[in-house]
């Protein structure tokens, strides 16, 4: 009888702990990371960009945008420079209307739809950005996954 009482008292406590543990395991929305990246580009926030964009991997997806035959470190610096200040990529992206579409998550990988719409011609350039979940945050590692 004492074991039954103990079980009746202890089981709800364990169930509550398990439920709270699952609730705290929620991940941030990968779309928010992409939205934050565009805000950081607008503000030339190199700290946010450095923390939420894998410069080495993302630089490889931009080919023609960065100096050819440069080292990975050079491309990483060139990408950060292109996304901030008077950077060409920053200017080109921000002169368009940017529309975020749906997000898809599979395990530790996510894809976020991004459309760049030319404000004059209304031509839409559709894209998906790829992210990986690392150390409790989403990190963008590819600007073009189509």
Protein backbone atom coordinates (compact mmCIF):
# COMPACT_ATOMS: atom_id res chain seq x y z
CA UNK A 1 0.00 0.00 0.00
CA UNK A 2 2.85 2.40 0.80
CA UNK A 3 4.39 1.67 -2.57
CA UNK A 4 1.14 2.54 -4.29
CA UNK A 5 0.95 5.88 -2.44
CA UNK A 6 4.55 6.61 -3.32
CA UNK A 7 3.87 5.80 -6.96
CA UNK A 8 0.74 7.97 -7.00
CA UNK A 9 2.70 10.90 -5.53
CA UNK A 10 5.93 10.49 -7.48
CA UNK A 11 4.54 9.70 -10.95
CA UNK A 12 2.82 13.10 -11.43
CA UNK A 13 6.02 14.86 -10.36
CA UNK A 14 8.10 12.94 -12.93
CA UNK A 15 5.48 13.55 -15.60
CA UNK A 16 5.58 17.30 -14.89
CA UNK A 17 9.38 17.37 -15.05
CA UNK A 18 9.34 15.47 -18.35
CA UNK A 19 6.71 17.82 -19.77
CA UNK A 20 8.67 20.91 -18.77
CA UNK A 21 11.83 19.40 -20.22
CA UNK A 22 10.13 18.89 -23.58
CA UNK A 23 8.70 22.40 -23.57
CA UNK A 24 12.13 23.97 -23.05
CA UNK A 25 13.55 21.98 -25.99
CA UNK A 26 11.78 24.15 -28.57
CA UNK A 27 14.00 25.55 -31.29
CA UNK A 28 13.85 29.06 -32.64
CA UNK A 29 12.19 29.52 -36.02
CA UNK A 30 14.84 29.41 -38.80
CA UNK A 31 12.85 32.11 -40.61
CA UNK A 32 13.64 34.49 -37.72
CA UNK A 33 17.36 33.94 -38.30
CA UNK A 34 17.02 34.87 -41.98
CA UNK A 35 14.90 37.88 -41.05
CA UNK A 36 17.56 38.85 -38.50
CA UNK A 37 20.26 38.50 -41.15
CA UNK A 38 18.51 41.00 -43.43
CA UNK A 39 18.06 43.40 -40.50
CA UNK A 40 21.78 43.02 -39.72
CA UNK A 41 22.61 43.71 -43.37
CA UNK A 42 20.49 46.89 -43.26
CA UNK A 43 22.29 48.02 -40.10
CA UNK A 44 25.75 46.72 -41.16
CA UNK A 45 25.79 44.63 -37.98
CA UNK A 46 28.88 42.49 -38.56
CA UNK A 47 28.60 40.83 -35.13
CA UNK A 48 25.15 39.35 -35.85
CA UNK A 49 26.27 38.30 -39.32
CA UNK A 50 29.40 36.62 -37.95
CA UNK A 51 27.33 34.67 -35.42
CA UNK A 52 24.47 33.64 -37.73
CA UNK A 53 26.16 33.15 -41.11
CA UNK A 54 28.85 30.53 -41.70
CA UNK A 55 30.99 32.85 -43.81
CA UNK A 56 33.21 30.04 -45.14
CA UNK A 57 30.36 27.86 -46.41
CA UNK A 58 28.13 30.73 -47.55
CA UNK A 59 30.99 32.34 -49.50
CA UNK A 60 31.28 29.18 -51.58
CA UNK A 61 27.68 29.63 -52.78
CA UNK A 62 28.34 33.11 -54.17
CA UNK A 63 31.09 32.27 -56.68
CA UNK A 64 31.00 35.31 -58.98
CA UNK A 65 30.30 37.74 -56.13
CA UNK A 66 33.69 37.27 -54.48
CA UNK A 67 37.28 37.57 -55.74
CA UNK A 68 38.33 34.47 -57.70
CA UNK A 69 41.24 32.31 -56.55
CA UNK A 70 41.20 33.71 -53.02
CA UNK A 71 41.71 31.66 -49.88
CA UNK A 72 38.80 30.61 -47.68
CA UNK A 73 39.76 33.25 -45.09
CA UNK A 74 39.92 35.90 -47.82
CA UNK A 75 36.51 34.87 -49.14
CA UNK A 76 35.07 34.94 -45.63
CA UNK A 77 36.32 38.50 -45.11
CA UNK A 78 35.18 39.48 -48.60
CA UNK A 79 31.69 38.13 -47.91
CA UNK A 80 31.40 40.07 -44.65
CA UNK A 81 32.59 43.17 -46.48
CA UNK A 82 30.06 42.56 -49.29
CA UNK A 83 27.21 42.30 -46.74
CA UNK A 84 28.09 45.43 -44.73
CA UNK A 85 28.93 49.10 -45.30
CA UNK A 86 29.18 49.94 -48.99
CA UNK A 87 29.28 46.26 -49.97
CA UNK A 88 27.97 45.34 -53.41
CA UNK A 89 25.83 42.45 -52.20
CA UNK A 90 24.30 44.61 -49.46
CA UNK A 91 23.39 47.32 -51.96
CA UNK A 92 21.95 44.89 -54.50
CA UNK A 93 19.90 42.92 -52.01
CA UNK A 94 18.52 45.98 -50.24
CA UNK A 95 17.46 47.71 -53.45
CA UNK A 96 14.97 44.84 -53.91
CA UNK A 97 11.84 44.06 -51.97
CA UNK A 98 12.66 41.01 -49.84
CA UNK A 99 9.86 38.55 -49.11
CA UNK A 100 10.33 35.55 -46.85
CA UNK A 101 8.24 32.52 -47.70
CA UNK A 102 7.88 29.19 -45.98
CA UNK A 103 10.43 27.32 -43.92
CA UNK A 104 11.05 23.59 -43.93
CA UNK A 105 12.97 21.73 -41.22
CA UNK A 106 14.39 18.23 -41.49
CA UNK A 107 16.44 17.31 -38.45
CA UNK A 108 19.20 19.87 -37.94
CA UNK A 109 18.78 21.37 -41.43
CA UNK A 110 16.28 23.98 -42.58
CA UNK A 111 15.48 25.81 -45.80
CA UNK A 112 13.83 29.23 -45.92
CA UNK A 113 12.29 30.59 -49.11
CA UNK A 114 13.47 34.09 -50.02
CA UNK A 115 12.25 36.16 -52.95
CA UNK A 116 14.00 39.27 -54.16
CA UNK A 117 11.57 41.42 -56.17
CA UNK A 118 12.97 44.17 -58.36
CA UNK A 119 11.12 47.34 -57.37
CA UNK A 120 11.09 48.72 -60.94
CA UNK A 121 10.49 45.71 -63.16
CA UNK A 122 8.63 43.63 -60.56
CA UNK A 123 10.71 40.60 -61.63
CA UNK A 124 10.97 38.06 -58.84
CA UNK A 125 14.15 36.10 -58.11
CA UNK A 126 13.22 33.05 -56.05
CA UNK A 127 15.73 31.40 -53.77
CA UNK A 128 16.08 29.12 -50.77
CA UNK A 129 18.63 29.67 -48.05
CA UNK A 130 19.95 26.68 -46.15
CA UNK A 131 20.57 26.70 -42.41
CA UNK A 132 22.04 24.24 -39.90
CA UNK A 133 21.15 24.10 -36.21
CA UNK A 134 24.36 24.51 -34.20
CA UNK A 135 24.93 25.34 -30.54
CA UNK A 136 21.30 26.34 -29.87
CA UNK A 137 20.94 28.59 -32.94
CA UNK A 138 20.30 28.41 -36.66
CA UNK A 139 23.29 29.32 -38.83
CA UNK A 140 22.93 30.21 -42.52
CA UNK A 141 25.40 28.24 -44.62
CA UNK A 142 24.09 28.69 -48.15
CA UNK A 143 22.42 31.61 -49.90
CA UNK A 144 21.48 29.58 -52.98
CA UNK A 145 20.17 26.06 -52.74
CA UNK A 146 18.18 25.76 -55.96
